[in-house]
Amino acid sequence: MAVYPLATAITTPAIYPVGSLNPTNPYSHSVIPEIWSGKLLEKFYQSTVLAAISNTAYEGEIKNQGDLVHIRTKPTITINDYLADGGIVVERPSSNVIDLLIDKGKYFATILDDVMEVQSDLNLLGIWSDDASQQMKIKIDQAVLLALLGTPAAANRGIAAGAISAGINLGVTGTPLSVSSTATPTILEVLLRMGQCLDEQNIP
């Protein structure tokens, strides 16, 4: 059985030039590939509250920006004292109408070239749309809440709040309530005061 000699630079061309590898560093002169992760870092967004405190029952009737939606309300029937053989007051209730004008709108626009879509391993449009929806909620929250700043009903603010009691102290601008976990009023007491104000306005 013949024993073949090991290949050397003399008998066959060496795959690596002699001395090209550094024995103390096995990665010397090697190719280290770049890897793109298929997972995105989690992105944290500002909290939004408008959807939780808004009436969205009429969204299906709102077609386009510029629409005017007439919303009818239940009339308030007057309750009178009954007297034997007395006259009866008859009323014809009429419904109050609240007009909801759709005169504001926001938009976003992105573009994705066909070449980029084919070459990307991620669903770029899906990622962008998800971020845009989050940014949209934040912008709408900011716009609506800033527009409501300073507009609460008089019975819902001040040192004489309460539509019925008119004696709930919620503080006033310049002299707000000093709230702590031990002093009076405590944080819990202030929350209960706010809840009472909402109850007196028949707000759930």
C-alpha atoms as a PDB file:
ATOM      1  CA  MET A   1       0.000   0.000   0.000  1.00  0.00           C
ATOM      2  CA  ALA A   2       1.509   3.234  -1.130  1.00  0.00           C
ATOM      3  CA  VAL A   3       1.845   6.087   1.306  1.00  0.00           C
ATOM      4  CA  TYR A   4       1.406   9.433  -0.373  1.00  0.00           C
ATOM      5  CA  PRO A   5       3.387  12.408   0.892  1.00  0.00           C
ATOM      6  CA  LEU A   6       1.565  15.455   2.320  1.00  0.00           C
ATOM      7  CA  ALA A   7       0.996  18.252  -0.130  1.00  0.00           C
ATOM      8  CA  THR A   8       3.328  21.201   0.170  1.00  0.00           C
ATOM      9  CA  ALA A   9       3.805  24.438  -1.636  1.00  0.00           C
ATOM     10  CA  ILE A  10       6.283  22.601  -3.842  1.00  0.00           C
ATOM     11  CA  THR A  11       4.146  19.648  -4.905  1.00  0.00           C
ATOM     12  CA  THR A  12       0.795  21.510  -5.169  1.00  0.00           C
ATOM     13  CA  PRO A  13      -0.271  25.129  -4.869  1.00  0.00           C
ATOM     14  CA  ALA A  14      -0.959  25.961  -1.228  1.00  0.00           C
ATOM     15  CA  ILE A  15      -4.504  27.028  -0.450  1.00  0.00           C
ATOM     16  CA  TYR A  16      -3.218  29.745   1.901  1.00  0.00           C
ATOM     17  CA  PRO A  17       0.110  31.502   1.324  1.00  0.00           C
ATOM     18  CA  VAL A  18       2.778  30.371   3.710  1.00  0.00           C
ATOM     19  CA  GLY A  19       2.675  32.543   6.845  1.00  0.00           C
ATOM     20  CA  SER A  20      -0.734  34.000   6.078  1.00  0.00           C
ATOM     21  CA  LEU A  21      -2.315  32.611   9.259  1.00  0.00           C
ATOM     22  CA  ASN A  22      -1.306  33.910  12.632  1.00  0.00           C
ATOM     23  CA  PRO A  23      -1.280  30.901  15.007  1.00  0.00           C
ATOM     24  CA  THR A  24      -1.941  33.178  17.989  1.00  0.00           C
ATOM     25  CA  ASN A  25      -5.073  34.620  16.371  1.00  0.00           C
ATOM     26  CA  PRO A  26      -7.119  31.994  14.466  1.00  0.00           C
ATOM     27  CA  TYR A  27      -9.399  34.719  13.003  1.00  0.00           C
ATOM     28  CA  SER A  28      -6.586  36.700  11.466  1.00  0.00           C
ATOM     29  CA  HIS A  29      -7.216  37.373   7.774  1.00  0.00           C
ATOM     30  CA  SER A  30     -10.622  35.607   8.050  1.00  0.00           C
ATOM     31  CA  VAL A  31     -13.946  36.971   6.802  1.00  0.00           C
ATOM     32  CA  ILE A  32     -16.364  37.862   9.626  1.00  0.00           C
ATOM     33  CA  PRO A  33     -19.865  38.159   8.140  1.00  0.00           C
ATOM     34  CA  GLU A  34     -22.337  40.891   9.076  1.00  0.00           C
ATOM     35  CA  ILE A  35     -25.702  39.608  10.314  1.00  0.00           C
ATOM     36  CA  TRP A  36     -28.948  41.587  10.241  1.00  0.00           C
ATOM     37  CA  SER A  37     -31.319  40.473  12.974  1.00  0.00           C
ATOM     38  CA  GLY A  38     -34.875  39.665  11.923  1.00  0.00           C
ATOM     39  CA  LYS A  39     -36.195  41.019  15.216  1.00  0.00           C
ATOM     40  CA  LEU A  40     -36.745  44.703  15.902  1.00  0.00           C
ATOM     41  CA  LEU A  41     -36.021  46.380  19.209  1.00  0.00           C
ATOM     42  CA  GLU A  42     -39.139  47.046  21.254  1.00  0.00           C
ATOM     43  CA  LYS A  43     -40.280  50.644  20.820  1.00  0.00           C
ATOM     44  CA  PHE A  44     -42.032  52.361  23.710  1.00  0.00           C
ATOM     45  CA  TYR A  45     -44.713  54.938  22.968  1.00  0.00           C
ATOM     46  CA  GLN A  46     -46.404  57.598  25.061  1.00  0.00           C
ATOM     47  CA  SER A  47     -49.585  56.450  26.760  1.00  0.00           C
ATOM     48  CA  THR A  48     -52.840  57.678  25.254  1.00  0.00           C
ATOM     49  CA  VAL A  49     -56.178  58.076  27.047  1.00  0.00           C
ATOM     50  CA  LEU A  50     -58.556  59.678  24.561  1.00  0.00           C
ATOM     51  CA  ALA A  51     -60.000  56.432  23.215  1.00  0.00           C
ATOM     52  CA  ALA A  52     -60.842  55.288  26.759  1.00  0.00           C
ATOM     53  CA  ILE A  53     -62.762  58.454  27.671  1.00  0.00           C
ATOM     54  CA  SER A  54     -64.415  59.257  24.333  1.00  0.00           C
ATOM     55  CA  ASN A  55     -67.807  58.351  22.899  1.00  0.00           C
ATOM     56  CA  THR A  56     -67.112  56.559  19.617  1.00  0.00           C
ATOM     57  CA  ALA A  57     -70.702  55.422  18.997  1.00  0.00           C
ATOM     58  CA  TYR A  58     -71.061  57.667  15.922  1.00  0.00           C
ATOM     59  CA  GLU A  59     -67.894  56.677  14.056  1.00  0.00           C
ATOM     60  CA  GLY A  60     -69.853  54.569  11.581  1.00  0.00           C
ATOM     61  CA  GLU A  61     -72.003  57.551  10.597  1.00  0.00           C
ATOM     62  CA  ILE A  62     -69.042  59.820   9.954  1.00  0.00           C
ATOM     63  CA  LYS A  63     -68.062  59.353   6.317  1.00  0.00           C
ATOM     64  CA  ASN A  64     -65.635  62.073   5.357  1.00  0.00           C
ATOM     65  CA  GLN A  65     -63.853  65.104   6.696  1.00  0.00           C
ATOM     66  CA  GLY A  66     -66.270  68.021   6.537  1.00  0.00           C
ATOM     67  CA  ASP A  67     -69.375  66.025   7.451  1.00  0.00           C
ATOM     68  CA  LEU A  68     -71.885  67.484   9.896  1.00  0.00           C
ATOM     69  CA  VAL A  69     -73.528  64.890  12.114  1.00  0.00           C
ATOM     70  CA  HIS A  70     -76.764  65.829  13.893  1.00  0.00           C
ATOM     71  CA  ILE A  71     -77.053  63.898  17.145  1.00  0.00           C
ATOM     72  CA  ARG A  72     -80.449  63.883  18.844  1.00  0.00           C
ATOM     73  CA  THR A  73     -80.759  63.614  22.606  1.00  0.00           C
ATOM     74  CA  LYS A  74     -83.495  62.374  24.901  1.00  0.00           C
ATOM     75  CA  PRO A  75     -85.745  65.166  26.131  1.00  0.00           C
ATOM     76  CA  THR A  76     -86.159  65.816  29.839  1.00  0.00           C
ATOM     77  CA  ILE A  77     -89.740  65.215  30.987  1.00  0.00           C
ATOM     78  CA  THR A  78     -91.073  67.457  33.744  1.00  0.00           C
ATOM     79  CA  ILE A  79     -92.420  65.700  36.826  1.00  0.00           C
ATOM     80  CA  ASN A  80     -95.291  67.591  38.508  1.00  0.00           C
ATOM     81  CA  ASP A  81     -97.109  67.143  41.805  1.00  0.00           C
ATOM     82  CA  TYR A  82    -100.447  65.374  41.550  1.00  0.00           C
ATOM     83  CA  LEU A  83    -103.500  67.032  43.055  1.00  0.00           C
ATOM     84  CA  ALA A  84    -106.903  65.401  43.211  1.00  0.00           C
ATOM     85  CA  ASP A  85    -109.280  67.010  40.766  1.00  0.00           C
ATOM     86  CA  GLY A  86    -106.446  69.254  39.681  1.00  0.00           C
ATOM     87  CA  GLY A  87    -105.466  70.273  36.210  1.00  0.00           C
ATOM     88  CA  ILE A  88    -102.972  68.255  34.220  1.00  0.00           C
ATOM     89  CA  VAL A  89    -100.138  70.051  32.489  1.00  0.00           C
ATOM     90  CA  VAL A  90     -99.411  68.395  29.153  1.00  0.00           C
ATOM     91  CA  GLU A  91     -96.123  68.966  27.405  1.00  0.00           C
ATOM     92  CA  ARG A  92     -94.842  68.093  23.974  1.00  0.00           C
ATOM     93  CA  PRO A  93     -91.167  67.195  24.503  1.00  0.00           C
ATOM     94  CA  SER A  94     -88.676  68.287  21.895  1.00  0.00           C
ATOM     95  CA  SER A  95     -85.266  66.768  21.477  1.00  0.00           C
ATOM     96  CA  ASN A  96     -82.164  68.881  21.738  1.00  0.00           C
ATOM     97  CA  VAL A  97     -79.759  68.421  18.842  1.00  0.00           C
ATOM     98  CA  ILE A  98     -75.984  68.421  19.168  1.00  0.00           C
ATOM     99  CA  ASP A  99     -74.096  69.116  15.946  1.00  0.00           C
ATOM    100  CA  LEU A 100     -70.817  67.257  15.497  1.00  0.00           C
ATOM    101  CA  LEU A 101     -68.732  68.986  12.831  1.00  0.00           C
ATOM    102  CA  ILE A 102     -65.883  66.972  11.330  1.00  0.00           C
ATOM    103  CA  ASP A 103     -63.503  69.752  10.329  1.00  0.00           C
ATOM    104  CA  LYS A 104     -60.094  68.439  11.319  1.00  0.00           C
ATOM    105  CA  GLY A 105     -57.961  65.631   9.993  1.00  0.00           C
ATOM    106  CA  LYS A 106     -54.436  64.237  10.127  1.00  0.00           C
ATOM    107  CA  TYR A 107     -52.547  62.001   7.713  1.00  0.00           C
ATOM    108  CA  PHE A 108     -49.296  60.183   7.143  1.00  0.00           C
ATOM    109  CA  ALA A 109     -47.625  59.122   3.882  1.00  0.00           C
ATOM    110  CA  THR A 110     -44.779  56.687   3.232  1.00  0.00           C
ATOM    111  CA  ILE A 111     -43.315  55.213   0.062  1.00  0.00           C
ATOM    112  CA  LEU A 112     -41.610  51.886  -0.554  1.00  0.00           C
ATOM    113  CA  ASP A 113     -39.857  51.158  -3.834  1.00  0.00           C
ATOM    114  CA  ASP A 114     -40.542  47.754  -5.380  1.00  0.00           C
ATOM    115  CA  VAL A 115     -36.835  46.920  -5.334  1.00  0.00           C
ATOM    116  CA  MET A 116     -36.596  47.671  -1.608  1.00  0.00           C
ATOM    117  CA  GLU A 117     -39.687  45.580  -0.899  1.00  0.00           C
ATOM    118  CA  VAL A 118     -38.296  42.561  -2.753  1.00  0.00           C
ATOM    119  CA  GLN A 119     -34.840  42.790  -1.218  1.00  0.00           C
ATOM    120  CA  SER A 120     -35.970  43.362   2.371  1.00  0.00           C
ATOM    121  CA  ASP A 121     -36.452  40.421   4.710  1.00  0.00           C
ATOM    122  CA  LEU A 122     -38.875  42.509   6.819  1.00  0.00           C
ATOM    123  CA  ASN A 123     -42.431  43.640   6.137  1.00  0.00           C
ATOM    124  CA  LEU A 124     -41.446  47.285   5.944  1.00  0.00           C
ATOM    125  CA  LEU A 125     -44.910  48.630   5.118  1.00  0.00           C
ATOM    126  CA  GLY A 126     -46.402  46.731   8.036  1.00  0.00           C
ATOM    127  CA  ILE A 127     -43.758  48.063  10.410  1.00  0.00           C
ATOM    128  CA  TRP A 128     -44.185  51.624   9.185  1.00  0.00           C
ATOM    129  CA  SER A 129     -47.986  51.445   9.355  1.00  0.00           C
ATOM    130  CA  ASP A 130     -47.876  50.152  12.911  1.00  0.00           C
ATOM    131  CA  ASP A 131     -45.604  52.999  13.986  1.00  0.00           C
ATOM    132  CA  ALA A 132     -47.761  55.543  12.134  1.00  0.00           C
ATOM    133  CA  SER A 133     -50.894  54.358  13.954  1.00  0.00           C
ATOM    134  CA  GLN A 134     -49.156  54.828  17.295  1.00  0.00           C
ATOM    135  CA  GLN A 135     -47.888  58.276  16.316  1.00  0.00           C
ATOM    136  CA  MET A 136     -51.390  59.192  15.095  1.00  0.00           C
ATOM    137  CA  LYS A 137     -52.949  58.299  18.450  1.00  0.00           C
ATOM    138  CA  ILE A 138     -50.375  60.410  20.286  1.00  0.00           C
ATOM    139  CA  LYS A 139     -50.905  63.457  18.044  1.00  0.00           C
ATOM    140  CA  ILE A 140     -54.709  63.240  18.312  1.00  0.00           C
ATOM    141  CA  ASP A 141     -54.505  62.869  22.093  1.00  0.00           C
ATOM    142  CA  GLN A 142     -52.303  65.943  22.350  1.00  0.00           C
ATOM    143  CA  ALA A 143     -54.486  68.056  20.054  1.00  0.00           C
ATOM    144  CA  VAL A 144     -57.800  67.195  21.722  1.00  0.00           C
ATOM    145  CA  LEU A 145     -56.604  67.360  25.321  1.00  0.00           C
ATOM    146  CA  LEU A 146     -54.833  70.682  24.766  1.00  0.00           C
ATOM    147  CA  ALA A 147     -58.032  72.068  23.216  1.00  0.00           C
ATOM    148  CA  LEU A 148     -59.954  71.015  26.341  1.00  0.00           C
ATOM    149  CA  LEU A 149     -57.470  72.649  28.697  1.00  0.00           C
ATOM    150  CA  GLY A 150     -59.259  75.172  30.893  1.00  0.00           C
ATOM    151  CA  THR A 151     -62.740  74.329  29.587  1.00  0.00           C
ATOM    152  CA  PRO A 152     -64.269  72.066  32.293  1.00  0.00           C
ATOM    153  CA  ALA A 153     -67.693  73.070  33.592  1.00  0.00           C
ATOM    154  CA  ALA A 154     -67.642  75.374  36.594  1.00  0.00           C
ATOM    155  CA  ALA A 155     -69.231  72.616  38.681  1.00  0.00           C
ATOM    156  CA  ASN A 156     -66.263  70.359  37.964  1.00  0.00           C
ATOM    157  CA  ARG A 157     -63.490  72.593  39.258  1.00  0.00           C
ATOM    158  CA  GLY A 158     -62.530  75.110  41.912  1.00  0.00           C
ATOM    159  CA  ILE A 159     -63.204  75.227  45.637  1.00  0.00           C
ATOM    160  CA  ALA A 160     -66.991  74.908  45.206  1.00  0.00           C
ATOM    161  CA  ALA A 161     -67.213  72.054  42.743  1.00  0.00           C
ATOM    162  CA  GLY A 162     -70.156  69.688  42.509  1.00  0.00           C
ATOM    163  CA  ALA A 163     -73.258  70.128  40.364  1.00  0.00           C
ATOM    164  CA  ILE A 164     -75.480  69.267  43.363  1.00  0.00           C
ATOM    165  CA  SER A 165     -73.452  69.899  46.499  1.00  0.00           C
ATOM    166  CA  ALA A 166     -71.385  72.864  45.257  1.00  0.00           C
ATOM    167  CA  GLY A 167     -69.033  72.257  48.161  1.00  0.00           C
ATOM    168  CA  ILE A 168     -66.224  70.025  46.896  1.00  0.00           C
ATOM    169  CA  ASN A 169     -62.790  71.605  47.148  1.00  0.00           C
ATOM    170  CA  LEU A 170     -60.618  70.727  44.155  1.00  0.00           C
ATOM    171  CA  GLY A 171     -58.295  73.708  44.480  1.00  0.00           C
ATOM    172  CA  VAL A 172     -57.913  76.671  42.155  1.00  0.00           C
ATOM    173  CA  THR A 173     -55.228  78.009  39.868  1.00  0.00           C
ATOM    174  CA  GLY A 174     -52.483  79.595  41.947  1.00  0.00           C
ATOM    175  CA  THR A 175     -53.496  77.817  45.157  1.00  0.00           C
ATOM    176  CA  PRO A 176     -53.772  74.121  44.293  1.00  0.00           C
ATOM    177  CA  LEU A 177     -54.475  71.439  46.863  1.00  0.00           C
ATOM    178  CA  SER A 178     -51.488  70.257  48.848  1.00  0.00           C
ATOM    179  CA  VAL A 179     -51.814  66.503  48.466  1.00  0.00           C
ATOM    180  CA  SER A 180     -49.743  63.843  50.189  1.00  0.00           C
ATOM    181  CA  SER A 181     -50.083  60.303  51.457  1.00  0.00           C
ATOM    182  CA  THR A 182     -50.484  61.361  55.088  1.00  0.00           C
ATOM    183  CA  ALA A 183     -51.722  64.953  55.328  1.00  0.00           C
ATOM    184  CA  THR A 184     -55.291  66.082  54.650  1.00  0.00           C
ATOM    185  CA  PRO A 185     -56.438  65.763  51.961  1.00  0.00           C
ATOM    186  CA  THR A 186     -54.743  62.507  51.079  1.00  0.00           C
ATOM    187  CA  ILE A 187     -54.388  61.300  47.511  1.00  0.00           C
ATOM    188  CA  LEU A 188     -57.285  58.894  48.031  1.00  0.00           C
ATOM    189  CA  GLU A 189     -59.545  61.656  49.358  1.00  0.00           C
ATOM    190  CA  VAL A 190     -58.857  63.829  46.317  1.00  0.00           C
ATOM    191  CA  LEU A 191     -59.694  60.931  43.986  1.00  0.00           C
ATOM    192  CA  LEU A 192     -62.946  60.402  45.895  1.00  0.00           C
ATOM    193  CA  ARG A 193     -63.758  64.099  45.508  1.00  0.00           C
ATOM    194  CA  MET A 194     -63.220  63.846  41.754  1.00  0.00           C
ATOM    195  CA  GLY A 195     -65.426  60.750  41.634  1.00  0.00           C
ATOM    196  CA  GLN A 196     -68.174  62.596  43.526  1.00  0.00           C
ATOM    197  CA  CYS A 197     -68.029  65.442  41.007  1.00  0.00           C
ATOM    198  CA  LEU A 198     -68.490  62.969  38.168  1.00  0.00           C
ATOM    199  CA  ASP A 199     -71.338  61.231  40.019  1.00  0.00           C
ATOM    200  CA  GLU A 200     -73.159  64.529  40.511  1.00  0.00           C
ATOM    201  CA  GLN A 201     -72.873  65.123  36.741  1.00  0.00           C
ATOM    202  CA  ASN A 202     -74.202  61.611  36.006  1.00  0.00           C
ATOM    203  CA  ILE A 203     -70.893  60.714  34.356  1.00  0.00           C
ATOM    204  CA  PRO A 204     -69.928  57.040  34.734  1.00  0.00           C
END
